[in-house]
């Protein structure tokens, strides 16, 4: 994998649990179609749920920073 092929490399980082987990194979990333959603339908569904208290945790902030890190 050439790092510069991906704009958001931190989102692609993995830690293998065993030394031979990747078995010498090359892997590629393919975005799931699940990420392509109808925003209007999602908001309509959200309106059917009970409201929750909006808050932000330190873990969410850290994840947001890492997920938005990119290379150009």
PDB file of N, CA and C in Angstrom:
ATOM      1  N   UNK A   1       0.850  -1.185   0.000  1.00  0.00           N
ATOM      2  CA  UNK A   1       0.000   0.000   0.000  1.00  0.00           C
ATOM      3  C   UNK A   1       0.886   1.234   0.000  1.00  0.00           C
ATOM      4  N   UNK A   2       0.632   2.146  -0.885  1.00  0.00           N
ATOM      5  CA  UNK A   2       1.334   3.416  -0.912  1.00  0.00           C
ATOM      6  C   UNK A   2       0.484   4.404  -0.137  1.00  0.00           C
ATOM      7  N   UNK A   3       1.052   4.954   0.943  1.00  0.00           N
ATOM      8  CA  UNK A   3       0.286   5.799   1.849  1.00  0.00           C
ATOM      9  C   UNK A   3      -0.379   6.972   1.159  1.00  0.00           C
ATOM     10  N   UNK A   4       0.293   7.579   0.193  1.00  0.00           N
ATOM     11  CA  UNK A   4      -0.260   8.766  -0.449  1.00  0.00           C
ATOM     12  C   UNK A   4      -1.459   8.474  -1.344  1.00  0.00           C
ATOM     13  N   UNK A   5      -1.796   7.202  -1.561  1.00  0.00           N
ATOM     14  CA  UNK A   5      -2.977   6.875  -2.349  1.00  0.00           C
ATOM     15  C   UNK A   5      -4.249   7.191  -1.576  1.00  0.00           C
ATOM     16  N   UNK A   6      -4.134   7.341  -0.271  1.00  0.00           N
ATOM     17  CA  UNK A   6      -5.301   7.523   0.579  1.00  0.00           C
ATOM     18  C   UNK A   6      -5.243   8.877   1.260  1.00  0.00           C
ATOM     19  N   UNK A   7      -6.335   9.589   1.210  1.00  0.00           N
ATOM     20  CA  UNK A   7      -6.375  10.923   1.797  1.00  0.00           C
ATOM     21  C   UNK A   7      -6.461  10.852   3.327  1.00  0.00           C
ATOM     22  N   UNK A   8      -7.109   9.834   3.884  1.00  0.00           N
ATOM     23  CA  UNK A   8      -7.302   9.719   5.323  1.00  0.00           C
ATOM     24  C   UNK A   8      -6.619   8.457   5.853  1.00  0.00           C
ATOM     25  N   UNK A   9      -5.280   8.429   5.913  1.00  0.00           N
ATOM     26  CA  UNK A   9      -4.579   7.199   6.294  1.00  0.00           C
ATOM     27  C   UNK A   9      -4.842   6.749   7.726  1.00  0.00           C
ATOM     28  N   UNK A  10      -5.109   7.669   8.666  1.00  0.00           N
ATOM     29  CA  UNK A  10      -5.319   7.227  10.046  1.00  0.00           C
ATOM     30  C   UNK A  10      -6.564   6.367  10.172  1.00  0.00           C
ATOM     31  N   UNK A  11      -7.524   6.570   9.314  1.00  0.00           N
ATOM     32  CA  UNK A  11      -8.736   5.748   9.361  1.00  0.00           C
ATOM     33  C   UNK A  11      -8.470   4.333   8.853  1.00  0.00           C
ATOM     34  N   UNK A  12      -7.335   4.120   8.194  1.00  0.00           N
ATOM     35  CA  UNK A  12      -7.001   2.813   7.644  1.00  0.00           C
ATOM     36  C   UNK A  12      -6.011   2.039   8.510  1.00  0.00           C
ATOM     37  N   UNK A  13      -5.571   2.619   9.616  1.00  0.00           N
ATOM     38  CA  UNK A  13      -4.594   1.950  10.462  1.00  0.00           C
ATOM     39  C   UNK A  13      -5.219   0.744  11.149  1.00  0.00           C
ATOM     40  N   UNK A  14      -4.457  -0.328  11.204  1.00  0.00           N
ATOM     41  CA  UNK A  14      -4.916  -1.533  11.897  1.00  0.00           C
ATOM     42  C   UNK A  14      -3.763  -2.091  12.718  1.00  0.00           C
ATOM     43  N   UNK A  15      -4.085  -2.849  13.736  1.00  0.00           N
ATOM     44  CA  UNK A  15      -3.080  -3.561  14.515  1.00  0.00           C
ATOM     45  C   UNK A  15      -3.409  -5.036  14.400  1.00  0.00           C
ATOM     46  N   UNK A  16      -2.461  -5.794  13.888  1.00  0.00           N
ATOM     47  CA  UNK A  16      -2.685  -7.232  13.761  1.00  0.00           C
ATOM     48  C   UNK A  16      -2.539  -7.898  15.122  1.00  0.00           C
ATOM     49  N   UNK A  17      -3.338  -8.907  15.374  1.00  0.00           N
ATOM     50  CA  UNK A  17      -3.306  -9.607  16.650  1.00  0.00           C
ATOM     51  C   UNK A  17      -2.285 -10.732  16.661  1.00  0.00           C
ATOM     52  N   UNK A  18      -1.929 -11.230  15.497  1.00  0.00           N
ATOM     53  CA  UNK A  18      -0.879 -12.249  15.387  1.00  0.00           C
ATOM     54  C   UNK A  18       0.069 -11.836  14.267  1.00  0.00           C
ATOM     55  N   UNK A  19       1.295 -12.288  14.363  1.00  0.00           N
ATOM     56  CA  UNK A  19       2.317 -11.888  13.391  1.00  0.00           C
ATOM     57  C   UNK A  19       1.961 -12.288  11.960  1.00  0.00           C
ATOM     58  N   UNK A  20       1.268 -13.395  11.765  1.00  0.00           N
ATOM     59  CA  UNK A  20       0.950 -13.878  10.419  1.00  0.00           C
ATOM     60  C   UNK A  20      -0.482 -13.548   9.987  1.00  0.00           C
ATOM     61  N   UNK A  21      -1.111 -12.599  10.635  1.00  0.00           N
ATOM     62  CA  UNK A  21      -2.521 -12.288  10.353  1.00  0.00           C
ATOM     63  C   UNK A  21      -2.762 -11.881   8.901  1.00  0.00           C
ATOM     64  N   UNK A  22      -1.850 -11.145   8.321  1.00  0.00           N
ATOM     65  CA  UNK A  22      -2.028 -10.720   6.935  1.00  0.00           C
ATOM     66  C   UNK A  22      -1.454 -11.726   5.950  1.00  0.00           C
ATOM     67  N   UNK A  23      -0.696 -12.677   6.447  1.00  0.00           N
ATOM     68  CA  UNK A  23      -0.201 -13.803   5.651  1.00  0.00           C
ATOM     69  C   UNK A  23       0.506 -13.370   4.367  1.00  0.00           C
ATOM     70  N   UNK A  24       1.192 -12.216   4.404  1.00  0.00           N
ATOM     71  CA  UNK A  24       1.950 -11.757   3.243  1.00  0.00           C
ATOM     72  C   UNK A  24       1.106 -11.240   2.093  1.00  0.00           C
ATOM     73  N   UNK A  25      -0.200 -11.191   2.261  1.00  0.00           N
ATOM     74  CA  UNK A  25      -1.079 -10.729   1.178  1.00  0.00           C
ATOM     75  C   UNK A  25      -1.168  -9.208   1.168  1.00  0.00           C
ATOM     76  N   UNK A  26      -1.429  -8.666   0.009  1.00  0.00           N
ATOM     77  CA  UNK A  26      -1.678  -7.235  -0.130  1.00  0.00           C
ATOM     78  C   UNK A  26      -3.184  -7.003  -0.044  1.00  0.00           C
ATOM     79  N   UNK A  27      -3.569  -5.972   0.651  1.00  0.00           N
ATOM     80  CA  UNK A  27      -4.984  -5.685   0.854  1.00  0.00           C
ATOM     81  C   UNK A  27      -5.314  -4.322   0.287  1.00  0.00           C
ATOM     82  N   UNK A  28      -6.536  -4.145  -0.159  1.00  0.00           N
ATOM     83  CA  UNK A  28      -6.996  -2.844  -0.638  1.00  0.00           C
ATOM     84  C   UNK A  28      -8.257  -2.456   0.109  1.00  0.00           C
ATOM     85  N   UNK A  29      -8.505  -1.176   0.160  1.00  0.00           N
ATOM     86  CA  UNK A  29      -9.683  -0.644   0.843  1.00  0.00           C
ATOM     87  C   UNK A  29     -10.758  -0.339  -0.187  1.00  0.00           C
ATOM     88  N   UNK A  30     -11.964  -0.790   0.089  1.00  0.00           N
ATOM     89  CA  UNK A  30     -13.115  -0.455  -0.747  1.00  0.00           C
ATOM     90  C   UNK A  30     -14.203   0.069   0.172  1.00  0.00           C
ATOM     91  N   UNK A  31     -14.649   1.283  -0.091  1.00  0.00           N
ATOM     92  CA  UNK A  31     -15.676   1.876   0.761  1.00  0.00           C
ATOM     93  C   UNK A  31     -16.997   1.140   0.585  1.00  0.00           C
ATOM     94  N   UNK A  32     -17.651   0.884   1.690  1.00  0.00           N
ATOM     95  CA  UNK A  32     -18.927   0.182   1.678  1.00  0.00           C
ATOM     96  C   UNK A  32     -20.039   1.074   1.138  1.00  0.00           C
ATOM     97  N   UNK A  33     -20.968   0.503   0.386  1.00  0.00           N
ATOM     98  CA  UNK A  33     -22.127   1.286  -0.070  1.00  0.00           C
ATOM     99  C   UNK A  33     -22.994   1.748   1.100  1.00  0.00           C
ATOM    100  N   UNK A  34     -22.785   1.167   2.283  1.00  0.00           N
ATOM    101  CA  UNK A  34     -23.549   1.573   3.473  1.00  0.00           C
ATOM    102  C   UNK A  34     -23.285   3.039   3.831  1.00  0.00           C
ATOM    103  N   UNK A  35     -22.156   3.588   3.364  1.00  0.00           N
ATOM    104  CA  UNK A  35     -21.839   4.987   3.643  1.00  0.00           C
ATOM    105  C   UNK A  35     -22.603   5.949   2.745  1.00  0.00           C
ATOM    106  N   UNK A  36     -23.199   5.450   1.706  1.00  0.00           N
ATOM    107  CA  UNK A  36     -23.957   6.292   0.775  1.00  0.00           C
ATOM    108  C   UNK A  36     -25.431   6.216   1.144  1.00  0.00           C
ATOM    109  N   UNK A  37     -25.842   7.127   2.020  1.00  0.00           N
ATOM    110  CA  UNK A  37     -27.214   7.079   2.530  1.00  0.00           C
ATOM    111  C   UNK A  37     -28.010   8.295   2.063  1.00  0.00           C
ATOM    112  N   UNK A  38     -29.301   8.151   2.108  1.00  0.00           N
ATOM    113  CA  UNK A  38     -30.205   9.250   1.793  1.00  0.00           C
ATOM    114  C   UNK A  38     -30.325  10.100   3.066  1.00  0.00           C
ATOM    115  N   UNK A  39     -29.728  11.286   3.053  1.00  0.00           N
ATOM    116  CA  UNK A  39     -29.707  12.139   4.235  1.00  0.00           C
ATOM    117  C   UNK A  39     -31.115  12.516   4.697  1.00  0.00           C
ATOM    118  N   UNK A  40     -32.018  12.775   3.766  1.00  0.00           N
ATOM    119  CA  UNK A  40     -33.389  13.148   4.138  1.00  0.00           C
ATOM    120  C   UNK A  40     -34.078  11.988   4.843  1.00  0.00           C
ATOM    121  N   UNK A  41     -33.880  10.769   4.347  1.00  0.00           N
ATOM    122  CA  UNK A  41     -34.481   9.595   4.987  1.00  0.00           C
ATOM    123  C   UNK A  41     -33.885   9.360   6.375  1.00  0.00           C
ATOM    124  N   UNK A  42     -32.573   9.587   6.510  1.00  0.00           N
ATOM    125  CA  UNK A  42     -31.918   9.418   7.807  1.00  0.00           C
ATOM    126  C   UNK A  42     -32.447  10.427   8.813  1.00  0.00           C
ATOM    127  N   UNK A  43     -32.612  11.669   8.393  1.00  0.00           N
ATOM    128  CA  UNK A  43     -33.147  12.693   9.295  1.00  0.00           C
ATOM    129  C   UNK A  43     -34.600  12.406   9.660  1.00  0.00           C
ATOM    130  N   UNK A  44     -35.373  11.912   8.708  1.00  0.00           N
ATOM    131  CA  UNK A  44     -36.771  11.549   8.994  1.00  0.00           C
ATOM    132  C   UNK A  44     -36.824  10.419  10.013  1.00  0.00           C
ATOM    133  N   UNK A  45     -35.940   9.446   9.889  1.00  0.00           N
ATOM    134  CA  UNK A  45     -35.877   8.355  10.864  1.00  0.00           C
ATOM    135  C   UNK A  45     -35.471   8.890  12.230  1.00  0.00           C
ATOM    136  N   UNK A  46     -34.465   9.748  12.258  1.00  0.00           N
ATOM    137  CA  UNK A  46     -34.015  10.326  13.533  1.00  0.00           C
ATOM    138  C   UNK A  46     -35.157  11.040  14.255  1.00  0.00           C
ATOM    139  N   UNK A  47     -36.039  11.663  13.500  1.00  0.00           N
ATOM    140  CA  UNK A  47     -37.173  12.377  14.106  1.00  0.00           C
ATOM    141  C   UNK A  47     -38.149  11.438  14.807  1.00  0.00           C
ATOM    142  N   UNK A  48     -38.091  10.132  14.504  1.00  0.00           N
ATOM    143  CA  UNK A  48     -38.991   9.172  15.159  1.00  0.00           C
ATOM    144  C   UNK A  48     -38.438   8.695  16.503  1.00  0.00           C
ATOM    145  N   UNK A  49     -37.191   9.029  16.812  1.00  0.00           N
ATOM    146  CA  UNK A  49     -36.555   8.573  18.043  1.00  0.00           C
ATOM    147  C   UNK A  49     -36.744   9.581  19.171  1.00  0.00           C
ATOM    148  N   UNK A  50     -36.687   9.094  20.396  1.00  0.00           N
ATOM    149  CA  UNK A  50     -36.763   9.986  21.558  1.00  0.00           C
ATOM    150  C   UNK A  50     -35.517  10.865  21.586  1.00  0.00           C
ATOM    151  N   UNK A  51     -35.686  12.132  21.954  1.00  0.00           N
ATOM    152  CA  UNK A  51     -34.513  13.016  21.996  1.00  0.00           C
ATOM    153  C   UNK A  51     -33.532  12.592  23.096  1.00  0.00           C
ATOM    154  N   UNK A  52     -32.240  12.758  22.814  1.00  0.00           N
ATOM    155  CA  UNK A  52     -31.187  12.473  23.779  1.00  0.00           C
ATOM    156  C   UNK A  52     -30.455  13.766  24.115  1.00  0.00           C
ATOM    157  N   UNK A  53     -29.837  13.775  25.277  1.00  0.00           N
ATOM    158  CA  UNK A  53     -29.024  14.915  25.662  1.00  0.00           C
ATOM    159  C   UNK A  53     -27.788  14.963  24.766  1.00  0.00           C
ATOM    160  N   UNK A  54     -27.534  16.117  24.160  1.00  0.00           N
ATOM    161  CA  UNK A  54     -26.357  16.282  23.311  1.00  0.00           C
ATOM    162  C   UNK A  54     -25.158  16.566  24.206  1.00  0.00           C
ATOM    163  N   UNK A  55     -24.094  15.767  24.051  1.00  0.00           N
ATOM    164  CA  UNK A  55     -22.864  16.005  24.799  1.00  0.00           C
ATOM    165  C   UNK A  55     -21.700  15.449  24.001  1.00  0.00           C
ATOM    166  N   UNK A  56     -20.515  15.874  24.367  1.00  0.00           N
ATOM    167  CA  UNK A  56     -19.312  15.443  23.676  1.00  0.00           C
ATOM    168  C   UNK A  56     -18.312  14.951  24.709  1.00  0.00           C
ATOM    169  N   UNK A  57     -17.723  13.778  24.448  1.00  0.00           N
ATOM    170  CA  UNK A  57     -16.731  13.231  25.371  1.00  0.00           C
ATOM    171  C   UNK A  57     -15.331  13.442  24.800  1.00  0.00           C
ATOM    172  N   UNK A  58     -14.340  13.309  25.656  1.00  0.00           N
ATOM    173  CA  UNK A  58     -12.955  13.492  25.205  1.00  0.00           C
ATOM    174  C   UNK A  58     -12.577  12.430  24.170  1.00  0.00           C
ATOM    175  N   UNK A  59     -13.117  11.216  24.306  1.00  0.00           N
ATOM    176  CA  UNK A  59     -12.839  10.169  23.318  1.00  0.00           C
ATOM    177  C   UNK A  59     -13.392  10.542  21.944  1.00  0.00           C
ATOM    178  N   UNK A  60     -14.564  11.167  21.919  1.00  0.00           N
ATOM    179  CA  UNK A  60     -15.134  11.591  20.647  1.00  0.00           C
ATOM    180  C   UNK A  60     -14.274  12.661  19.993  1.00  0.00           C
ATOM    181  N   UNK A  61     -13.757  13.582  20.792  1.00  0.00           N
ATOM    182  CA  UNK A  61     -12.898  14.647  20.261  1.00  0.00           C
ATOM    183  C   UNK A  61     -11.631  14.039  19.675  1.00  0.00           C
ATOM    184  N   UNK A  62     -11.005  13.117  20.406  1.00  0.00           N
ATOM    185  CA  UNK A  62      -9.786  12.468  19.928  1.00  0.00           C
ATOM    186  C   UNK A  62     -10.045  11.692  18.636  1.00  0.00           C
ATOM    187  N   UNK A  63     -11.129  10.920  18.602  1.00  0.00           N
ATOM    188  CA  UNK A  63     -11.463  10.166  17.394  1.00  0.00           C
ATOM    189  C   UNK A  63     -11.698  11.115  16.218  1.00  0.00           C
ATOM    190  N   UNK A  64     -12.396  12.213  16.454  1.00  0.00           N
ATOM    191  CA  UNK A  64     -12.678  13.181  15.395  1.00  0.00           C
ATOM    192  C   UNK A  64     -11.385  13.761  14.839  1.00  0.00           C
ATOM    193  N   UNK A  65     -10.445  14.098  15.717  1.00  0.00           N
ATOM    194  CA  UNK A  65      -9.164  14.626  15.259  1.00  0.00           C
ATOM    195  C   UNK A  65      -8.414  13.612  14.413  1.00  0.00           C
ATOM    196  N   UNK A  66      -8.384  12.371  14.876  1.00  0.00           N
ATOM    197  CA  UNK A  66      -7.659  11.337  14.127  1.00  0.00           C
ATOM    198  C   UNK A  66      -8.342  11.033  12.804  1.00  0.00           C
ATOM    199  N   UNK A  67      -9.667  10.924  12.822  1.00  0.00           N
ATOM    200  CA  UNK A  67     -10.398  10.566  11.608  1.00  0.00           C
ATOM    201  C   UNK A  67     -10.303  11.653  10.546  1.00  0.00           C
ATOM    202  N   UNK A  68     -10.118  12.892  10.962  1.00  0.00           N
ATOM    203  CA  UNK A  68     -10.036  13.995  10.008  1.00  0.00           C
ATOM    204  C   UNK A  68      -8.603  14.299   9.558  1.00  0.00           C
ATOM    205  N   UNK A  69      -7.630  13.590  10.130  1.00  0.00           N
ATOM    206  CA  UNK A  69      -6.242  13.763   9.709  1.00  0.00           C
ATOM    207  C   UNK A  69      -6.113  13.273   8.275  1.00  0.00           C
ATOM    208  N   UNK A  70      -5.440  14.026   7.438  1.00  0.00           N
ATOM    209  CA  UNK A  70      -5.289  13.586   6.066  1.00  0.00           C
ATOM    210  C   UNK A  70      -3.953  14.023   5.488  1.00  0.00           C
ATOM    211  N   UNK A  71      -3.588  13.401   4.394  1.00  0.00           N
ATOM    212  CA  UNK A  71      -2.337  13.673   3.702  1.00  0.00           C
ATOM    213  C   UNK A  71      -2.674  14.157   2.301  1.00  0.00           C
ATOM    214  N   UNK A  72      -2.035  15.226   1.889  1.00  0.00           N
ATOM    215  CA  UNK A  72      -2.232  15.705   0.508  1.00  0.00           C
ATOM    216  C   UNK A  72      -0.903  15.828  -0.186  1.00  0.00           C
TER     217      UNK A  72
END
